[in-house]
PDB file of N, CA and C in Angstrom:
ATOM      1  N   MET A   1      47.549 -19.523   2.283  1.00  0.00           N
ATOM      2  CA  MET A   1      46.909 -20.419   1.381  1.00  0.00           C
ATOM      3  C   MET A   1      45.433 -20.565   1.714  1.00  0.00           C
ATOM      4  N   SER A   2      45.154 -20.517   2.930  1.00  0.00           N
ATOM      5  CA  SER A   2      43.776 -20.657   3.330  1.00  0.00           C
ATOM      6  C   SER A   2      42.965 -19.474   2.859  1.00  0.00           C
ATOM      7  N   GLU A   3      43.608 -18.300   2.780  1.00  0.00           N
ATOM      8  CA  GLU A   3      42.897 -17.126   2.278  1.00  0.00           C
ATOM      9  C   GLU A   3      42.550 -17.307   0.800  1.00  0.00           C
ATOM     10  N   SER A   4      43.450 -17.838   0.002  1.00  0.00           N
ATOM     11  CA  SER A   4      43.158 -18.034  -1.410  1.00  0.00           C
ATOM     12  C   SER A   4      42.157 -19.159  -1.598  1.00  0.00           C
ATOM     13  N   GLN A   5      42.269 -20.158  -0.723  1.00  0.00           N
ATOM     14  CA  GLN A   5      41.294 -21.234  -0.782  1.00  0.00           C
ATOM     15  C   GLN A   5      39.910 -20.691  -0.424  1.00  0.00           C
ATOM     16  N   SER A   6      39.854 -19.803   0.512  1.00  0.00           N
ATOM     17  CA  SER A   6      38.606 -19.200   0.931  1.00  0.00           C
ATOM     18  C   SER A   6      38.029 -18.352  -0.197  1.00  0.00           C
ATOM     19  N   ARG A   7      38.894 -17.565  -0.844  1.00  0.00           N
ATOM     20  CA  ARG A   7      38.425 -16.770  -1.975  1.00  0.00           C
ATOM     21  C   ARG A   7      37.967 -17.673  -3.110  1.00  0.00           C
ATOM     22  N   TYR A   8      38.746 -18.721  -3.345  1.00  0.00           N
ATOM     23  CA  TYR A   8      38.372 -19.669  -4.395  1.00  0.00           C
ATOM     24  C   TYR A   8      37.015 -20.283  -4.081  1.00  0.00           C
ATOM     25  N   SER A   9      36.792 -20.645  -2.858  1.00  0.00           N
ATOM     26  CA  SER A   9      35.547 -21.242  -2.418  1.00  0.00           C
ATOM     27  C   SER A   9      34.398 -20.253  -2.587  1.00  0.00           C
ATOM     28  N   ILE A  10      34.612 -18.999  -2.234  1.00  0.00           N
ATOM     29  CA  ILE A  10      33.590 -17.955  -2.395  1.00  0.00           C
ATOM     30  C   ILE A  10      33.279 -17.764  -3.867  1.00  0.00           C
ATOM     31  N   VAL A  11      34.295 -17.665  -4.697  1.00  0.00           N
ATOM     32  CA  VAL A  11      34.116 -17.489  -6.139  1.00  0.00           C
ATOM     33  C   VAL A  11      33.355 -18.691  -6.706  1.00  0.00           C
ATOM     34  N   GLU A  12      33.735 -19.880  -6.246  1.00  0.00           N
ATOM     35  CA  GLU A  12      33.086 -21.086  -6.739  1.00  0.00           C
ATOM     36  C   GLU A  12      31.599 -21.085  -6.348  1.00  0.00           C
ATOM     37  N   ARG A  13      31.297 -20.735  -5.102  1.00  0.00           N
ATOM     38  CA  ARG A  13      29.902 -20.696  -4.654  1.00  0.00           C
ATOM     39  C   ARG A  13      29.130 -19.614  -5.395  1.00  0.00           C
ATOM     40  N   LEU A  14      29.727 -18.466  -5.567  1.00  0.00           N
ATOM     41  CA  LEU A  14      29.052 -17.376  -6.289  1.00  0.00           C
ATOM     42  C   LEU A  14      28.819 -17.755  -7.748  1.00  0.00           C
ATOM     43  N   THR A  15      29.810 -18.382  -8.338  1.00  0.00           N
ATOM     44  CA  THR A  15      29.678 -18.815  -9.728  1.00  0.00           C
ATOM     45  C   THR A  15      28.556 -19.848  -9.838  1.00  0.00           C
ATOM     46  N   GLN A  16      28.530 -20.785  -8.888  1.00  0.00           N
ATOM     47  CA  GLN A  16      27.471 -21.795  -8.887  1.00  0.00           C
ATOM     48  C   GLN A  16      26.103 -21.144  -8.690  1.00  0.00           C
ATOM     49  N   ARG A  17      26.040 -20.176  -7.788  1.00  0.00           N
ATOM     50  CA  ARG A  17      24.789 -19.449  -7.543  1.00  0.00           C
ATOM     51  C   ARG A  17      24.348 -18.724  -8.816  1.00  0.00           C
ATOM     52  N   LYS A  18      25.306 -18.092  -9.500  1.00  0.00           N
ATOM     53  CA  LYS A  18      25.003 -17.394 -10.742  1.00  0.00           C
ATOM     54  C   LYS A  18      24.452 -18.373 -11.780  1.00  0.00           C
ATOM     55  N   LEU A  19      25.072 -19.549 -11.893  1.00  0.00           N
ATOM     56  CA  LEU A  19      24.595 -20.566 -12.835  1.00  0.00           C
ATOM     57  C   LEU A  19      23.190 -21.044 -12.471  1.00  0.00           C
ATOM     58  N   ASP A  20      22.934 -21.222 -11.182  1.00  0.00           N
ATOM     59  CA  ASP A  20      21.613 -21.646 -10.724  1.00  0.00           C
ATOM     60  C   ASP A  20      20.552 -20.603 -11.097  1.00  0.00           C
ATOM     61  N   ILE A  21      20.884 -19.340 -10.885  1.00  0.00           N
ATOM     62  CA  ILE A  21      19.949 -18.248 -11.211  1.00  0.00           C
ATOM     63  C   ILE A  21      19.708 -18.191 -12.710  1.00  0.00           C
ATOM     64  N   MET A  22      20.784 -18.333 -13.515  1.00  0.00           N
ATOM     65  CA  MET A  22      20.642 -18.305 -14.965  1.00  0.00           C
ATOM     66  C   MET A  22      19.773 -19.484 -15.442  1.00  0.00           C
ATOM     67  N   THR A  23      19.970 -20.637 -14.806  1.00  0.00           N
ATOM     68  CA  THR A  23      19.160 -21.813 -15.149  1.00  0.00           C
ATOM     69  C   THR A  23      17.694 -21.554 -14.806  1.00  0.00           C
ATOM     70  N   ALA A  24      17.436 -20.992 -13.621  1.00  0.00           N
ATOM     71  CA  ALA A  24      16.063 -20.692 -13.204  1.00  0.00           C
ATOM     72  C   ALA A  24      15.428 -19.680 -14.164  1.00  0.00           C
ATOM     73  N   LYS A  25      16.229 -18.676 -14.575  1.00  0.00           N
ATOM     74  CA  LYS A  25      15.733 -17.671 -15.506  1.00  0.00           C
ATOM     75  C   LYS A  25      15.381 -18.321 -16.849  1.00  0.00           C
ATOM     76  N   SER A  26      16.228 -19.203 -17.309  1.00  0.00           N
ATOM     77  CA  SER A  26      15.998 -19.910 -18.563  1.00  0.00           C
ATOM     78  C   SER A  26      14.748 -20.796 -18.458  1.00  0.00           C
ATOM     79  N   GLU A  27      14.575 -21.436 -17.303  1.00  0.00           N
ATOM     80  CA  GLU A  27      13.403 -22.285 -17.094  1.00  0.00           C
ATOM     81  C   GLU A  27      12.125 -21.457 -17.123  1.00  0.00           C
ATOM     82  N   LEU A  28      12.183 -20.223 -16.619  1.00  0.00           N
ATOM     83  CA  LEU A  28      11.022 -19.336 -16.684  1.00  0.00           C
ATOM     84  C   LEU A  28      10.614 -19.089 -18.132  1.00  0.00           C
ATOM     85  N   LYS A  29      11.597 -18.833 -18.967  1.00  0.00           N
ATOM     86  CA  LYS A  29      11.322 -18.597 -20.378  1.00  0.00           C
ATOM     87  C   LYS A  29      10.772 -19.852 -21.049  1.00  0.00           C
ATOM     88  N   GLU A  30      11.311 -21.008 -20.666  1.00  0.00           N
ATOM     89  CA  GLU A  30      10.820 -22.269 -21.233  1.00  0.00           C
ATOM     90  C   GLU A  30       9.381 -22.525 -20.794  1.00  0.00           C
ATOM     91  N   GLU A  31       9.104 -22.245 -19.519  1.00  0.00           N
ATOM     92  CA  GLU A  31       7.743 -22.432 -19.006  1.00  0.00           C
ATOM     93  C   GLU A  31       6.769 -21.500 -19.720  1.00  0.00           C
ATOM     94  N   LEU A  32       7.207 -20.268 -19.939  1.00  0.00           N
ATOM     95  CA  LEU A  32       6.381 -19.307 -20.661  1.00  0.00           C
ATOM     96  C   LEU A  32       6.129 -19.779 -22.094  1.00  0.00           C
ATOM     97  N   LYS A  33       7.172 -20.268 -22.735  1.00  0.00           N
ATOM     98  CA  LYS A  33       7.047 -20.779 -24.105  1.00  0.00           C
ATOM     99  C   LYS A  33       6.095 -21.980 -24.135  1.00  0.00           C
ATOM    100  N   HIS A  34       6.206 -22.847 -23.128  1.00  0.00           N
ATOM    101  CA  HIS A  34       5.334 -24.020 -23.038  1.00  0.00           C
ATOM    102  C   HIS A  34       3.874 -23.580 -22.888  1.00  0.00           C
ATOM    103  N   LYS A  35       3.623 -22.581 -22.053  1.00  0.00           N
ATOM    104  CA  LYS A  35       2.256 -22.062 -21.867  1.00  0.00           C
ATOM    105  C   LYS A  35       1.726 -21.477 -23.171  1.00  0.00           C
ATOM    106  N   GLU A  36       2.571 -20.774 -23.890  1.00  0.00           N
ATOM    107  CA  GLU A  36       2.166 -20.194 -25.173  1.00  0.00           C
ATOM    108  C   GLU A  36       1.801 -21.304 -26.165  1.00  0.00           C
ATOM    109  N   GLN A  37       2.621 -22.356 -26.204  1.00  0.00           N
ATOM    110  CA  GLN A  37       2.335 -23.487 -27.090  1.00  0.00           C
ATOM    111  C   GLN A  37       1.024 -24.175 -26.700  1.00  0.00           C
ATOM    112  N   LYS A  38       0.773 -24.264 -25.400  1.00  0.00           N
ATOM    113  CA  LYS A  38      -0.464 -24.878 -24.922  1.00  0.00           C
ATOM    114  C   LYS A  38      -1.675 -24.063 -25.389  1.00  0.00           C
ATOM    115  N   ILE A  39      -1.552 -22.738 -25.336  1.00  0.00           N
ATOM    116  CA  ILE A  39      -2.633 -21.866 -25.802  1.00  0.00           C
ATOM    117  C   ILE A  39      -2.887 -22.098 -27.288  1.00  0.00           C
ATOM    118  N   GLU A  40      -1.824 -22.167 -28.082  1.00  0.00           N
ATOM    119  CA  GLU A  40      -1.974 -22.412 -29.518  1.00  0.00           C
ATOM    120  C   GLU A  40      -2.619 -23.769 -29.775  1.00  0.00           C
ATOM    121  N   GLU A  41      -2.220 -24.761 -29.004  1.00  0.00           N
ATOM    122  CA  GLU A  41      -2.795 -26.096 -29.136  1.00  0.00           C
ATOM    123  C   GLU A  41      -4.291 -26.069 -28.799  1.00  0.00           C
ATOM    124  N   LEU A  42      -4.656 -25.366 -27.743  1.00  0.00           N
ATOM    125  CA  LEU A  42      -6.060 -25.248 -27.359  1.00  0.00           C
ATOM    126  C   LEU A  42      -6.868 -24.511 -28.430  1.00  0.00           C
ATOM    127  N   LYS A  43      -6.265 -23.481 -29.024  1.00  0.00           N
ATOM    128  CA  LYS A  43      -6.934 -22.758 -30.099  1.00  0.00           C
ATOM    129  C   LYS A  43      -7.177 -23.665 -31.298  1.00  0.00           C
ATOM    130  N   LYS A  44      -6.172 -24.486 -31.644  1.00  0.00           N
ATOM    131  CA  LYS A  44      -6.324 -25.427 -32.759  1.00  0.00           C
ATOM    132  C   LYS A  44      -7.395 -26.456 -32.447  1.00  0.00           C
ATOM    133  N   ASP A  45      -7.399 -26.957 -31.204  1.00  0.00           N
ATOM    134  CA  ASP A  45      -8.424 -27.922 -30.798  1.00  0.00           C
ATOM    135  C   ASP A  45      -9.821 -27.315 -30.930  1.00  0.00           C
ATOM    136  N   LEU A  46      -9.959 -26.072 -30.504  1.00  0.00           N
ATOM    137  CA  LEU A  46     -11.250 -25.393 -30.614  1.00  0.00           C
ATOM    138  C   LEU A  46     -11.649 -25.233 -32.082  1.00  0.00           C
ATOM    139  N   ASP A  47     -10.704 -24.847 -32.904  1.00  0.00           N
ATOM    140  CA  ASP A  47     -10.977 -24.681 -34.333  1.00  0.00           C
ATOM    141  C   ASP A  47     -11.402 -26.015 -34.960  1.00  0.00           C
ATOM    142  N   ASN A  48     -10.681 -27.087 -34.622  1.00  0.00           N
ATOM    143  CA  ASN A  48     -11.030 -28.415 -35.137  1.00  0.00           C
ATOM    144  C   ASN A  48     -12.406 -28.847 -34.626  1.00  0.00           C
ATOM    145  N   TRP A  49     -12.679 -28.567 -33.366  1.00  0.00           N
ATOM    146  CA  TRP A  49     -13.977 -28.907 -32.790  1.00  0.00           C
ATOM    147  C   TRP A  49     -15.091 -28.160 -33.521  1.00  0.00           C
ATOM    148  N   ASN A  50     -14.864 -26.871 -33.786  1.00  0.00           N
ATOM    149  CA  ASN A  50     -15.851 -26.078 -34.519  1.00  0.00           C
ATOM    150  C   ASN A  50     -16.093 -26.658 -35.914  1.00  0.00           C
ATOM    151  N   LYS A  51     -15.010 -27.075 -36.572  1.00  0.00           N
ATOM    152  CA  LYS A  51     -15.159 -27.679 -37.905  1.00  0.00           C
ATOM    153  C   LYS A  51     -15.926 -28.989 -37.818  1.00  0.00           C
ATOM    154  N   ASP A  52     -15.612 -29.795 -36.800  1.00  0.00           N
ATOM    155  CA  ASP A  52     -16.329 -31.064 -36.619  1.00  0.00           C
ATOM    156  C   ASP A  52     -17.813 -30.815 -36.384  1.00  0.00           C
ATOM    157  N   ILE A  53     -18.112 -29.853 -35.532  1.00  0.00           N
ATOM    158  CA  ILE A  53     -19.511 -29.522 -35.239  1.00  0.00           C
ATOM    159  C   ILE A  53     -20.213 -29.061 -36.518  1.00  0.00           C
ATOM    160  N   GLU A  54     -19.528 -28.247 -37.288  1.00  0.00           N
ATOM    161  CA  GLU A  54     -20.100 -27.745 -38.542  1.00  0.00           C
ATOM    162  C   GLU A  54     -20.403 -28.908 -39.492  1.00  0.00           C
ATOM    163  N   GLU A  55     -19.468 -29.841 -39.602  1.00  0.00           N
ATOM    164  CA  GLU A  55     -19.672 -31.005 -40.465  1.00  0.00           C
ATOM    165  C   GLU A  55     -20.814 -31.876 -39.934  1.00  0.00           C
ATOM    166  N   ASP A  56     -20.843 -32.052 -38.610  1.00  0.00           N
ATOM    167  CA  ASP A  56     -21.934 -32.830 -38.008  1.00  0.00           C
ATOM    168  C   ASP A  56     -23.279 -32.172 -38.299  1.00  0.00           C
ATOM    169  N   MET A  57     -23.322 -30.863 -38.191  1.00  0.00           N
ATOM    170  CA  MET A  57     -24.558 -30.133 -38.447  1.00  0.00           C
ATOM    171  C   MET A  57     -24.985 -30.311 -39.905  1.00  0.00           C
ATOM    172  N   LYS A  58     -24.028 -30.245 -40.832  1.00  0.00           N
ATOM    173  CA  LYS A  58     -24.344 -30.437 -42.249  1.00  0.00           C
ATOM    174  C   LYS A  58     -24.907 -31.836 -42.483  1.00  0.00           C
ATOM    175  N   ARG A  59     -24.258 -32.844 -41.880  1.00  0.00           N
ATOM    176  CA  ARG A  59     -24.727 -34.222 -42.046  1.00  0.00           C
ATOM    177  C   ARG A  59     -26.122 -34.382 -41.444  1.00  0.00           C
ATOM    178  N   GLU A  60     -26.313 -33.834 -40.259  1.00  0.00           N
ATOM    179  CA  GLU A  60     -27.616 -33.938 -39.598  1.00  0.00           C
ATOM    180  C   GLU A  60     -28.698 -33.211 -40.398  1.00  0.00           C
ATOM    181  N   ARG A  61     -28.361 -32.031 -40.910  1.00  0.00           N
ATOM    182  CA  ARG A  61     -29.320 -31.272 -41.729  1.00  0.00           C
ATOM    183  C   ARG A  61     -29.694 -32.086 -42.968  1.00  0.00           C
ATOM    184  N   ARG A  62     -28.704 -32.656 -43.636  1.00  0.00           N
ATOM    185  CA  ARG A  62     -28.961 -33.437 -44.854  1.00  0.00           C
ATOM    186  C   ARG A  62     -29.805 -34.666 -44.523  1.00  0.00           C
ATOM    187  N   SER A  63     -29.501 -35.299 -43.396  1.00  0.00           N
ATOM    188  CA  SER A  63     -30.263 -36.466 -42.975  1.00  0.00           C
ATOM    189  C   SER A  63     -31.721 -36.094 -42.746  1.00  0.00           C
ATOM    190  N   ARG A  64     -31.945 -34.985 -42.090  1.00  0.00           N
ATOM    191  CA  ARG A  64     -33.324 -34.543 -41.832  1.00  0.00           C
ATOM    192  C   ARG A  64     -34.027 -34.125 -43.127  1.00  0.00           C
ATOM    193  N   GLU A  65     -33.286 -33.508 -44.033  1.00  0.00           N
ATOM    194  CA  GLU A  65     -33.872 -33.133 -45.323  1.00  0.00           C
ATOM    195  C   GLU A  65     -34.295 -34.384 -46.089  1.00  0.00           C
ATOM    196  N   ARG A  66     -33.440 -35.431 -46.059  1.00  0.00           N
ATOM    197  CA  ARG A  66     -33.791 -36.687 -46.738  1.00  0.00           C
ATOM    198  C   ARG A  66     -35.022 -37.325 -46.095  1.00  0.00           C
ATOM    199  N   LEU A  67     -35.106 -37.249 -44.773  1.00  0.00           N
ATOM    200  CA  LEU A  67     -36.274 -37.784 -44.076  1.00  0.00           C
ATOM    201  C   LEU A  67     -37.538 -37.050 -44.514  1.00  0.00           C
ATOM    202  N   ILE A  68     -37.447 -35.743 -44.621  1.00  0.00           N
ATOM    203  CA  ILE A  68     -38.594 -34.954 -45.089  1.00  0.00           C
ATOM    204  C   ILE A  68     -38.950 -35.346 -46.519  1.00  0.00           C
ATOM    205  N   GLU A  69     -37.934 -35.462 -47.374  1.00  0.00           N
ATOM    206  CA  GLU A  69     -38.184 -35.845 -48.771  1.00  0.00           C
ATOM    207  C   GLU A  69     -38.871 -37.209 -48.854  1.00  0.00           C
ATOM    208  N   ARG A  70     -38.384 -38.176 -48.059  1.00  0.00           N
ATOM    209  CA  ARG A  70     -39.002 -39.512 -48.061  1.00  0.00           C
ATOM    210  C   ARG A  70     -40.440 -39.447 -47.542  1.00  0.00           C
ATOM    211  N   SER A  71     -40.658 -38.635 -46.517  1.00  0.00           N
ATOM    212  CA  SER A  71     -42.012 -38.495 -45.962  1.00  0.00           C
ATOM    213  C   SER A  71     -42.952 -37.857 -46.973  1.00  0.00           C
ATOM    214  N   ILE A  72     -42.479 -36.846 -47.683  1.00  0.00           N
ATOM    215  CA  ILE A  72     -43.297 -36.210 -48.726  1.00  0.00           C
ATOM    216  C   ILE A  72     -43.637 -37.225 -49.813  1.00  0.00           C
ATOM    217  N   GLN A  73     -42.647 -38.006 -50.224  1.00  0.00           N
ATOM    218  CA  GLN A  73     -42.879 -39.013 -51.262  1.00  0.00           C
ATOM    219  C   GLN A  73     -43.883 -40.055 -50.793  1.00  0.00           C
ATOM    220  N   ALA A  74     -43.747 -40.501 -49.535  1.00  0.00           N
ATOM    221  CA  ALA A  74     -44.687 -41.483 -48.987  1.00  0.00           C
ATOM    222  C   ALA A  74     -46.093 -40.889 -48.932  1.00  0.00           C
ATOM    223  N   PHE A  75     -46.188 -39.618 -48.558  1.00  0.00           N
ATOM    224  CA  PHE A  75     -47.473 -38.932 -48.514  1.00  0.00           C
ATOM    225  C   PHE A  75     -48.099 -38.858 -49.907  1.00  0.00           C
ATOM    226  N   GLN A  76     -47.301 -38.470 -50.906  1.00  0.00           N
ATOM    227  CA  GLN A  76     -47.804 -38.383 -52.286  1.00  0.00           C
ATOM    228  C   GLN A  76     -48.269 -39.755 -52.778  1.00  0.00           C
ATOM    229  N   ASN A  77     -47.465 -40.785 -52.485  1.00  0.00           N
ATOM    230  CA  ASN A  77     -47.839 -42.142 -52.899  1.00  0.00           C
ATOM    231  C   ASN A  77     -49.154 -42.564 -52.245  1.00  0.00           C
ATOM    232  N   MET A  78     -49.299 -42.241 -50.964  1.00  0.00           N
ATOM    233  CA  MET A  78     -50.517 -42.604 -50.253  1.00  0.00           C
ATOM    234  C   MET A  78     -51.722 -41.856 -50.828  1.00  0.00           C
ATOM    235  N   LYS A  79     -51.541 -40.582 -51.162  1.00  0.00           N
ATOM    236  CA  LYS A  79     -52.633 -39.817 -51.781  1.00  0.00           C
ATOM    237  C   LYS A  79     -53.086 -40.487 -53.071  1.00  0.00           C
ATOM    238  N   GLU A  80     -52.129 -40.931 -53.872  1.00  0.00           N
ATOM    239  CA  GLU A  80     -52.470 -41.602 -55.137  1.00  0.00           C
ATOM    240  C   GLU A  80     -53.205 -42.909 -54.878  1.00  0.00           C
ATOM    241  N   ARG A  81     -52.709 -43.691 -53.920  1.00  0.00           N
ATOM    242  CA  ARG A  81     -53.370 -44.970 -53.610  1.00  0.00           C
ATOM    243  C   ARG A  81     -54.780 -44.728 -53.090  1.00  0.00           C
ATOM    244  N   ILE A  82     -54.946 -43.693 -52.259  1.00  0.00           N
ATOM    245  CA  ILE A  82     -56.277 -43.381 -51.733  1.00  0.00           C
ATOM    246  C   ILE A  82     -57.218 -42.999 -52.865  1.00  0.00           C
ATOM    247  N   LYS A  83     -56.735 -42.189 -53.810  1.00  0.00           N
ATOM    248  CA  LYS A  83     -57.576 -41.824 -54.967  1.00  0.00           C
ATOM    249  C   LYS A  83     -58.004 -43.077 -55.720  1.00  0.00           C
ATOM    250  N   GLU A  84     -57.050 -43.974 -55.958  1.00  0.00           N
ATOM    251  CA  GLU A  84     -57.366 -45.209 -56.679  1.00  0.00           C
ATOM    252  C   GLU A  84     -58.373 -46.049 -55.901  1.00  0.00           C
ATOM    253  N   LYS A  85     -58.169 -46.183 -54.591  1.00  0.00           N
ATOM    254  CA  LYS A  85     -59.087 -46.982 -53.774  1.00  0.00           C
ATOM    255  C   LYS A  85     -60.470 -46.330 -53.724  1.00  0.00           C
ATOM    256  N   GLU A  86     -60.505 -45.000 -53.594  1.00  0.00           N
ATOM    257  CA  GLU A  86     -61.807 -44.315 -53.595  1.00  0.00           C
ATOM    258  C   GLU A  86     -62.544 -44.569 -54.900  1.00  0.00           C
ATOM    259  N   GLN A  87     -61.811 -44.547 -55.996  1.00  0.00           N
ATOM    260  CA  GLN A  87     -62.424 -44.798 -57.311  1.00  0.00           C
ATOM    261  C   GLN A  87     -62.973 -46.229 -57.359  1.00  0.00           C
ATOM    262  N   ILE A  88     -62.201 -47.174 -56.851  1.00  0.00           N
ATOM    263  CA  ILE A  88     -62.656 -48.579 -56.837  1.00  0.00           C
ATOM    264  C   ILE A  88     -63.894 -48.707 -55.953  1.00  0.00           C
ATOM    265  N   TYR A  89     -63.866 -48.070 -54.772  1.00  0.00           N
ATOM    266  CA  TYR A  89     -65.024 -48.122 -53.872  1.00  0.00           C
ATOM    267  C   TYR A  89     -66.245 -47.473 -54.529  1.00  0.00           C
ATOM    268  N   ASP A  90     -66.032 -46.356 -55.209  1.00  0.00           N
ATOM    269  CA  ASP A  90     -67.149 -45.702 -55.913  1.00  0.00           C
ATOM    270  C   ASP A  90     -67.738 -46.626 -56.965  1.00  0.00           C
ATOM    271  N   GLU A  91     -66.885 -47.323 -57.690  1.00  0.00           N
ATOM    272  CA  GLU A  91     -67.360 -48.260 -58.711  1.00  0.00           C
ATOM    273  C   GLU A  91     -68.158 -49.392 -58.067  1.00  0.00           C
ATOM    274  N   LYS A  92     -67.677 -49.892 -56.931  1.00  0.00           N
ATOM    275  CA  LYS A  92     -68.389 -50.973 -56.237  1.00  0.00           C
ATOM    276  C   LYS A  92     -69.735 -50.481 -55.718  1.00  0.00           C
ATOM    277  N   ILE A  93     -69.755 -49.253 -55.157  1.00  0.00           N
ATOM    278  CA  ILE A  93     -71.019 -48.680 -54.677  1.00  0.00           C
ATOM    279  C   ILE A  93     -72.003 -48.540 -55.836  1.00  0.00           C
ATOM    280  N   ASN A  94     -71.522 -48.033 -56.984  1.00  0.00           N
ATOM    281  CA  ASN A  94     -72.389 -47.897 -58.164  1.00  0.00           C
ATOM    282  C   ASN A  94     -72.918 -49.250 -58.618  1.00  0.00           C
ATOM    283  N   ALA A  95     -72.051 -50.267 -58.604  1.00  0.00           N
ATOM    284  CA  ALA A  95     -72.479 -51.601 -59.022  1.00  0.00           C
ATOM    285  C   ALA A  95     -73.549 -52.128 -58.070  1.00  0.00           C
ATOM    286  N   ILE A  96     -73.377 -51.897 -56.776  1.00  0.00           N
ATOM    287  CA  ILE A  96     -74.366 -52.345 -55.792  1.00  0.00           C
ATOM    288  C   ILE A  96     -75.676 -51.580 -55.986  1.00  0.00           C
ATOM    289  N   GLU A  97     -75.567 -50.262 -56.204  1.00  0.00           N
ATOM    290  CA  GLU A  97     -76.775 -49.458 -56.428  1.00  0.00           C
ATOM    291  C   GLU A  97     -77.514 -49.927 -57.685  1.00  0.00           C
ATOM    292  N   GLU A  98     -76.773 -50.262 -58.733  1.00  0.00           N
ATOM    293  CA  GLU A  98     -77.387 -50.771 -59.955  1.00  0.00           C
ATOM    294  C   GLU A  98     -78.072 -52.108 -59.689  1.00  0.00           C
ATOM    295  N   ALA A  99     -77.400 -52.964 -58.922  1.00  0.00           N
ATOM    296  CA  ALA A  99     -77.994 -54.267 -58.594  1.00  0.00           C
ATOM    297  C   ALA A  99     -79.260 -54.070 -57.771  1.00  0.00           C
ATOM    298  N   LEU A 100     -79.213 -53.164 -56.799  1.00  0.00           N
ATOM    299  CA  LEU A 100     -80.401 -52.887 -55.982  1.00  0.00           C
ATOM    300  C   LEU A 100     -81.535 -52.325 -56.848  1.00  0.00           C
ATOM    301  N   ALA A 101     -81.182 -51.432 -57.766  1.00  0.00           N
ATOM    302  CA  ALA A 101     -82.192 -50.855 -58.664  1.00  0.00           C
ATOM    303  C   ALA A 101     -82.798 -51.950 -59.536  1.00  0.00           C
ATOM    304  N   SER A 102     -81.973 -52.867 -60.023  1.00  0.00           N
ATOM    305  CA  SER A 102     -82.468 -53.979 -60.853  1.00  0.00           C
ATOM    306  C   SER A 102     -83.409 -54.862 -60.039  1.00  0.00           C
ATOM    307  N   ILE A 103     -83.024 -55.160 -58.816  1.00  0.00           N
ATOM    308  CA  ILE A 103     -83.863 -55.998 -57.953  1.00  0.00           C
ATOM    309  C   ILE A 103     -85.186 -55.288 -57.693  1.00  0.00           C
ATOM    310  N   GLU A 104     -85.131 -53.998 -57.474  1.00  0.00           N
ATOM    311  CA  GLU A 104     -86.353 -53.219 -57.226  1.00  0.00           C
ATOM    312  C   GLU A 104     -87.256 -53.259 -58.459  1.00  0.00           C
ATOM    313  N   GLU A 105     -86.670 -53.114 -59.633  1.00  0.00           N
ATOM    314  CA  GLU A 105     -87.422 -53.145 -60.886  1.00  0.00           C
ATOM    315  C   GLU A 105     -88.068 -54.507 -61.062  1.00  0.00           C
ATOM    316  N   ILE A 106     -87.313 -55.546 -60.815  1.00  0.00           N
ATOM    317  CA  ILE A 106     -87.829 -56.910 -60.959  1.00  0.00           C
ATOM    318  C   ILE A 106     -88.957 -57.135 -59.959  1.00  0.00           C
ATOM    319  N   SER A 107     -88.790 -56.611 -58.750  1.00  0.00           N
ATOM    320  CA  SER A 107     -89.808 -56.777 -57.711  1.00  0.00           C
ATOM    321  C   SER A 107     -91.104 -56.095 -58.103  1.00  0.00           C
ATOM    322  N   LYS A 108     -91.033 -54.957 -58.797  1.00  0.00           N
ATOM    323  CA  LYS A 108     -92.230 -54.222 -59.209  1.00  0.00           C
ATOM    324  C   LYS A 108     -92.985 -54.980 -60.288  1.00  0.00           C
ATOM    325  N   THR A 109     -92.286 -55.593 -61.217  1.00  0.00           N
ATOM    326  CA  THR A 109     -92.936 -56.233 -62.360  1.00  0.00           C
ATOM    327  C   THR A 109     -93.271 -57.691 -62.125  1.00  0.00           C
ATOM    328  N   SER A 110     -92.662 -58.338 -61.199  1.00  0.00           N
ATOM    329  CA  SER A 110     -92.923 -59.761 -60.954  1.00  0.00           C
ATOM    330  C   SER A 110     -93.726 -59.912 -59.674  1.00  0.00           C
ATOM    331  N   PRO A 111     -94.685 -60.867 -59.720  1.00  0.00           N
ATOM    332  CA  PRO A 111     -95.425 -61.132 -58.491  1.00  0.00           C
ATOM    333  C   PRO A 111     -94.504 -61.848 -57.505  1.00  0.00           C
ATOM    334  N   THR A 112     -94.675 -61.554 -56.276  1.00  0.00           N
ATOM    335  CA  THR A 112     -93.844 -62.207 -55.263  1.00  0.00           C
ATOM    336  C   THR A 112     -94.433 -63.565 -54.953  1.00  0.00           C
ATOM    337  N   ILE A 113     -93.581 -64.512 -54.884  1.00  0.00           N
ATOM    338  CA  ILE A 113     -94.000 -65.864 -54.587  1.00  0.00           C
ATOM    339  C   ILE A 113     -93.724 -66.104 -53.115  1.00  0.00           C
ATOM    340  N   GLN A 114     -94.816 -66.435 -52.444  1.00  0.00           N
ATOM    341  CA  GLN A 114     -94.642 -66.694 -51.029  1.00  0.00           C
ATOM    342  C   GLN A 114     -94.607 -68.190 -50.837  1.00  0.00           C
ATOM    343  N   SER A 115     -93.741 -68.638 -50.075  1.00  0.00           N
ATOM    344  CA  SER A 115     -93.643 -70.078 -49.870  1.00  0.00           C
ATOM    345  C   SER A 115     -94.654 -70.506 -48.816  1.00  0.00           C
ATOM    346  N   LYS A 116     -95.193 -71.720 -49.025  1.00  0.00           N
ATOM    347  CA  LYS A 116     -96.143 -72.251 -48.074  1.00  0.00           C
ATOM    348  C   LYS A 116     -95.406 -73.088 -47.063  1.00  0.00           C
ATOM    349  N   SER A 117     -95.796 -72.932 -45.834  1.00  0.00           N
ATOM    350  CA  SER A 117     -95.163 -73.701 -44.791  1.00  0.00           C
ATOM    351  C   SER A 117     -96.065 -74.791 -44.291  1.00  0.00           C
TER     352      SER A 117
END
């Protein structure tokens, strides 16, 4: 009986060893599958990151284009205001020159009155 018990024990240990090896082999495949899934996940993350960067770049480009457009408009408005102000200043200079010319004319034709002290 001890011989059959011994054989039974050997068979049981070998069977258990076989199951352990099969489990380890299966775990290798699962680990490999997990690594493959991780690679796919990383690829998707990279793709999403690239799309985000692209969208950010579009938004930033549009923002800078709007800034340029606003700056051009402000520049054009300032040019117009400067033209208007220059015209007003020219008119004032002409008015002063006319007044000076009138005073000069009056000075030529009128005797100067000197005040006595």
